[in-house]
Amino acid sequence: MAGTDALLQSLSRREPVPVADDVVRLLSALIEDVDHDLAAGQCLSSVSITPSA
């Protein structure tokens, strides 16, 4: 569990992480996409989620 927490903290700080795992590769790619969009000035919209009846 501590290893997973350390990995997630490294990803959140944008530090290099080993990318041998498919999930880590996916998370890294998603972070890069978000960072790229923010650097390009694209705004992220907020979404309101309400439970259905």
PDB file of N, CA and C in Angstrom:
ATOM      1  N   MET A   1       0.822  -1.193   0.000  1.00  0.00           N
ATOM      2  CA  MET A   1       0.000   0.000   0.000  1.00  0.00           C
ATOM      3  C   MET A   1       0.866   1.257   0.000  1.00  0.00           C
ATOM      4  N   ALA A   2       1.938   1.245   0.764  1.00  0.00           N
ATOM      5  CA  ALA A   2       2.819   2.411   0.839  1.00  0.00           C
ATOM      6  C   ALA A   2       3.451   2.683  -0.521  1.00  0.00           C
ATOM      7  N   GLY A   3       3.765   1.618  -1.264  1.00  0.00           N
ATOM      8  CA  GLY A   3       4.342   1.797  -2.598  1.00  0.00           C
ATOM      9  C   GLY A   3       3.368   2.471  -3.550  1.00  0.00           C
ATOM     10  N   THR A   4       2.092   2.100  -3.460  1.00  0.00           N
ATOM     11  CA  THR A   4       1.056   2.714  -4.292  1.00  0.00           C
ATOM     12  C   THR A   4       0.889   4.181  -3.946  1.00  0.00           C
ATOM     13  N   ASP A   5       0.864   4.481  -2.655  1.00  0.00           N
ATOM     14  CA  ASP A   5       0.747   5.885  -2.228  1.00  0.00           C
ATOM     15  C   ASP A   5       1.927   6.704  -2.724  1.00  0.00           C
ATOM     16  N   ALA A   6       3.132   6.152  -2.613  1.00  0.00           N
ATOM     17  CA  ALA A   6       4.327   6.861  -3.068  1.00  0.00           C
ATOM     18  C   ALA A   6       4.270   7.104  -4.572  1.00  0.00           C
ATOM     19  N   LEU A   7       3.801   6.122  -5.325  1.00  0.00           N
ATOM     20  CA  LEU A   7       3.681   6.267  -6.776  1.00  0.00           C
ATOM     21  C   LEU A   7       2.676   7.357  -7.128  1.00  0.00           C
ATOM     22  N   LEU A   8       1.515   7.347  -6.476  1.00  0.00           N
ATOM     23  CA  LEU A   8       0.497   8.359  -6.753  1.00  0.00           C
ATOM     24  C   LEU A   8       0.970   9.757  -6.361  1.00  0.00           C
ATOM     25  N   GLN A   9       1.706   9.854  -5.270  1.00  0.00           N
ATOM     26  CA  GLN A   9       2.242  11.149  -4.872  1.00  0.00           C
ATOM     27  C   GLN A   9       3.270  11.642  -5.884  1.00  0.00           C
ATOM     28  N   SER A  10       4.099  10.752  -6.390  1.00  0.00           N
ATOM     29  CA  SER A  10       5.070  11.130  -7.417  1.00  0.00           C
ATOM     30  C   SER A  10       4.369  11.610  -8.679  1.00  0.00           C
ATOM     31  N   LEU A  11       3.317  10.909  -9.077  1.00  0.00           N
ATOM     32  CA  LEU A  11       2.556  11.334 -10.257  1.00  0.00           C
ATOM     33  C   LEU A  11       1.938  12.710 -10.034  1.00  0.00           C
ATOM     34  N   SER A  12       1.401  12.942  -8.853  1.00  0.00           N
ATOM     35  CA  SER A  12       0.752  14.224  -8.588  1.00  0.00           C
ATOM     36  C   SER A  12       1.751  15.377  -8.580  1.00  0.00           C
ATOM     37  N   ARG A  13       3.006  15.071  -8.237  1.00  0.00           N
ATOM     38  CA  ARG A  13       4.048  16.095  -8.243  1.00  0.00           C
ATOM     39  C   ARG A  13       4.748  16.183  -9.596  1.00  0.00           C
ATOM     40  N   ARG A  14       4.267  15.398 -10.557  1.00  0.00           N
ATOM     41  CA  ARG A  14       4.816  15.367 -11.923  1.00  0.00           C
ATOM     42  C   ARG A  14       6.265  14.904 -11.940  1.00  0.00           C
ATOM     43  N   GLU A  15       6.625  14.041 -11.000  1.00  0.00           N
ATOM     44  CA  GLU A  15       7.968  13.478 -10.953  1.00  0.00           C
ATOM     45  C   GLU A  15       8.033  12.265 -11.875  1.00  0.00           C
ATOM     46  N   PRO A  16       9.208  11.958 -12.386  1.00  0.00           N
ATOM     47  CA  PRO A  16       9.337  10.754 -13.227  1.00  0.00           C
ATOM     48  C   PRO A  16       9.030   9.492 -12.414  1.00  0.00           C
ATOM     49  N   VAL A  17       8.302   8.597 -13.026  1.00  0.00           N
ATOM     50  CA  VAL A  17       7.967   7.329 -12.386  1.00  0.00           C
ATOM     51  C   VAL A  17       8.242   6.205 -13.375  1.00  0.00           C
ATOM     52  N   PRO A  18       8.513   4.995 -12.875  1.00  0.00           N
ATOM     53  CA  PRO A  18       8.695   3.861 -13.789  1.00  0.00           C
ATOM     54  C   PRO A  18       7.387   3.585 -14.529  1.00  0.00           C
ATOM     55  N   VAL A  19       7.475   3.366 -15.826  1.00  0.00           N
ATOM     56  CA  VAL A  19       6.254   3.187 -16.624  1.00  0.00           C
ATOM     57  C   VAL A  19       6.124   1.764 -17.168  1.00  0.00           C
ATOM     58  N   ALA A  20       6.597   0.795 -16.427  1.00  0.00           N
ATOM     59  CA  ALA A  20       6.500  -0.596 -16.871  1.00  0.00           C
ATOM     60  C   ALA A  20       5.070  -1.118 -16.783  1.00  0.00           C
ATOM     61  N   ASP A  21       4.256  -0.521 -15.928  1.00  0.00           N
ATOM     62  CA  ASP A  21       2.883  -0.965 -15.700  1.00  0.00           C
ATOM     63  C   ASP A  21       1.932  -0.210 -16.619  1.00  0.00           C
ATOM     64  N   ASP A  22       0.954  -0.912 -17.186  1.00  0.00           N
ATOM     65  CA  ASP A  22      -0.008  -0.286 -18.101  1.00  0.00           C
ATOM     66  C   ASP A  22      -0.823   0.806 -17.420  1.00  0.00           C
ATOM     67  N   VAL A  23      -1.205   0.592 -16.171  1.00  0.00           N
ATOM     68  CA  VAL A  23      -2.015   1.581 -15.447  1.00  0.00           C
ATOM     69  C   VAL A  23      -1.202   2.847 -15.194  1.00  0.00           C
ATOM     70  N   VAL A  24       0.057   2.682 -14.820  1.00  0.00           N
ATOM     71  CA  VAL A  24       0.919   3.840 -14.590  1.00  0.00           C
ATOM     72  C   VAL A  24       1.115   4.609 -15.899  1.00  0.00           C
ATOM     73  N   ARG A  25       1.285   3.879 -16.995  1.00  0.00           N
ATOM     74  CA  ARG A  25       1.417   4.521 -18.310  1.00  0.00           C
ATOM     75  C   ARG A  25       0.164   5.324 -18.646  1.00  0.00           C
ATOM     76  N   LEU A  26      -1.003   4.760 -18.364  1.00  0.00           N
ATOM     77  CA  LEU A  26      -2.258   5.451 -18.635  1.00  0.00           C
ATOM     78  C   LEU A  26      -2.383   6.707 -17.776  1.00  0.00           C
ATOM     79  N   LEU A  27      -2.097   6.599 -16.483  1.00  0.00           N
ATOM     80  CA  LEU A  27      -2.167   7.764 -15.602  1.00  0.00           C
ATOM     81  C   LEU A  27      -1.195   8.852 -16.046  1.00  0.00           C
ATOM     82  N   SER A  28       0.009   8.466 -16.434  1.00  0.00           N
ATOM     83  CA  SER A  28       0.999   9.437 -16.904  1.00  0.00           C
ATOM     84  C   SER A  28       0.510  10.139 -18.169  1.00  0.00           C
ATOM     85  N   ALA A  29      -0.070   9.383 -19.086  1.00  0.00           N
ATOM     86  CA  ALA A  29      -0.586   9.966 -20.319  1.00  0.00           C
ATOM     87  C   ALA A  29      -1.739  10.934 -20.037  1.00  0.00           C
ATOM     88  N   LEU A  30      -2.620  10.577 -19.112  1.00  0.00           N
ATOM     89  CA  LEU A  30      -3.728  11.463 -18.754  1.00  0.00           C
ATOM     90  C   LEU A  30      -3.217  12.759 -18.132  1.00  0.00           C
ATOM     91  N   ILE A  31      -2.213  12.656 -17.270  1.00  0.00           N
ATOM     92  CA  ILE A  31      -1.626  13.848 -16.661  1.00  0.00           C
ATOM     93  C   ILE A  31      -1.014  14.735 -17.736  1.00  0.00           C
ATOM     94  N   GLU A  32      -0.291  14.133 -18.674  1.00  0.00           N
ATOM     95  CA  GLU A  32       0.312  14.909 -19.768  1.00  0.00           C
ATOM     96  C   GLU A  32      -0.753  15.614 -20.596  1.00  0.00           C
ATOM     97  N   ASP A  33      -1.858  14.925 -20.881  1.00  0.00           N
ATOM     98  CA  ASP A  33      -2.949  15.538 -21.652  1.00  0.00           C
ATOM     99  C   ASP A  33      -3.540  16.735 -20.915  1.00  0.00           C
ATOM    100  N   VAL A  34      -3.792  16.585 -19.632  1.00  0.00           N
ATOM    101  CA  VAL A  34      -4.364  17.680 -18.843  1.00  0.00           C
ATOM    102  C   VAL A  34      -3.389  18.850 -18.787  1.00  0.00           C
ATOM    103  N   ASP A  35      -2.118  18.556 -18.518  1.00  0.00           N
ATOM    104  CA  ASP A  35      -1.115  19.617 -18.463  1.00  0.00           C
ATOM    105  C   ASP A  35      -1.007  20.333 -19.801  1.00  0.00           C
ATOM    106  N   HIS A  36      -1.053  19.575 -20.884  1.00  0.00           N
ATOM    107  CA  HIS A  36      -0.966  20.176 -22.221  1.00  0.00           C
ATOM    108  C   HIS A  36      -2.161  21.088 -22.483  1.00  0.00           C
ATOM    109  N   ASP A  37      -3.360  20.626 -22.137  1.00  0.00           N
ATOM    110  CA  ASP A  37      -4.564  21.436 -22.338  1.00  0.00           C
ATOM    111  C   ASP A  37      -4.513  22.715 -21.509  1.00  0.00           C
ATOM    112  N   LEU A  38      -4.049  22.614 -20.284  1.00  0.00           N
ATOM    113  CA  LEU A  38      -3.955  23.797 -19.429  1.00  0.00           C
ATOM    114  C   LEU A  38      -2.918  24.776 -19.966  1.00  0.00           C
ATOM    115  N   ALA A  39      -1.797  24.257 -20.462  1.00  0.00           N
ATOM    116  CA  ALA A  39      -0.751  25.109 -21.019  1.00  0.00           C
ATOM    117  C   ALA A  39      -1.234  25.799 -22.297  1.00  0.00           C
ATOM    118  N   ALA A  40      -2.129  25.150 -23.016  1.00  0.00           N
ATOM    119  CA  ALA A  40      -2.664  25.723 -24.252  1.00  0.00           C
ATOM    120  C   ALA A  40      -3.788  26.714 -23.971  1.00  0.00           C
ATOM    121  N   GLY A  41      -4.148  26.877 -22.708  1.00  0.00           N
ATOM    122  CA  GLY A  41      -5.182  27.832 -22.343  1.00  0.00           C
ATOM    123  C   GLY A  41      -6.588  27.304 -22.437  1.00  0.00           C
ATOM    124  N   GLN A  42      -6.734  26.012 -22.578  1.00  0.00           N
ATOM    125  CA  GLN A  42      -8.073  25.436 -22.637  1.00  0.00           C
ATOM    126  C   GLN A  42      -8.602  25.286 -21.221  1.00  0.00           C
ATOM    127  N   CYS A  43      -9.809  25.734 -21.020  1.00  0.00           N
ATOM    128  CA  CYS A  43     -10.426  25.669 -19.692  1.00  0.00           C
ATOM    129  C   CYS A  43     -11.158  24.351 -19.527  1.00  0.00           C
ATOM    130  N   LEU A  44     -11.116  23.861 -18.332  1.00  0.00           N
ATOM    131  CA  LEU A  44     -11.880  22.669 -18.004  1.00  0.00           C
ATOM    132  C   LEU A  44     -13.197  23.109 -17.393  1.00  0.00           C
ATOM    133  N   SER A  45     -14.293  22.570 -17.876  1.00  0.00           N
ATOM    134  CA  SER A  45     -15.586  22.951 -17.322  1.00  0.00           C
ATOM    135  C   SER A  45     -15.915  22.079 -16.134  1.00  0.00           C
ATOM    136  N   SER A  46     -16.627  22.654 -15.199  1.00  0.00           N
ATOM    137  CA  SER A  46     -17.067  21.857 -14.063  1.00  0.00           C
ATOM    138  C   SER A  46     -18.376  21.182 -14.428  1.00  0.00           C
ATOM    139  N   VAL A  47     -18.568  20.015 -13.887  1.00  0.00           N
ATOM    140  CA  VAL A  47     -19.763  19.236 -14.175  1.00  0.00           C
ATOM    141  C   VAL A  47     -20.475  18.954 -12.861  1.00  0.00           C
ATOM    142  N   SER A  48     -21.770  19.178 -12.855  1.00  0.00           N
ATOM    143  CA  SER A  48     -22.558  18.879 -11.670  1.00  0.00           C
ATOM    144  C   SER A  48     -23.210  17.534 -11.856  1.00  0.00           C
ATOM    145  N   ILE A  49     -23.015  16.670 -10.887  1.00  0.00           N
ATOM    146  CA  ILE A  49     -23.599  15.325 -10.965  1.00  0.00           C
ATOM    147  C   ILE A  49     -24.644  15.225  -9.864  1.00  0.00           C
ATOM    148  N   THR A  50     -25.871  14.935 -10.257  1.00  0.00           N
ATOM    149  CA  THR A  50     -26.936  14.770  -9.289  1.00  0.00           C
ATOM    150  C   THR A  50     -27.445  13.349  -9.359  1.00  0.00           C
ATOM    151  N   PRO A  51     -27.766  12.772  -8.227  1.00  0.00           N
ATOM    152  CA  PRO A  51     -28.276  11.396  -8.243  1.00  0.00           C
ATOM    153  C   PRO A  51     -29.658  11.324  -8.893  1.00  0.00           C
ATOM    154  N   SER A  52     -29.895  10.241  -9.583  1.00  0.00           N
ATOM    155  CA  SER A  52     -31.226  10.057 -10.196  1.00  0.00           C
ATOM    156  C   SER A  52     -32.179   9.473  -9.167  1.00  0.00           C
ATOM    157  N   ALA A  53     -33.452   9.717  -9.384  1.00  0.00           N
ATOM    158  CA  ALA A  53     -34.469   9.254  -8.436  1.00  0.00           C
ATOM    159  C   ALA A  53     -34.719   7.784  -8.525  1.00  0.00           C
TER     160      ALA A  53
END
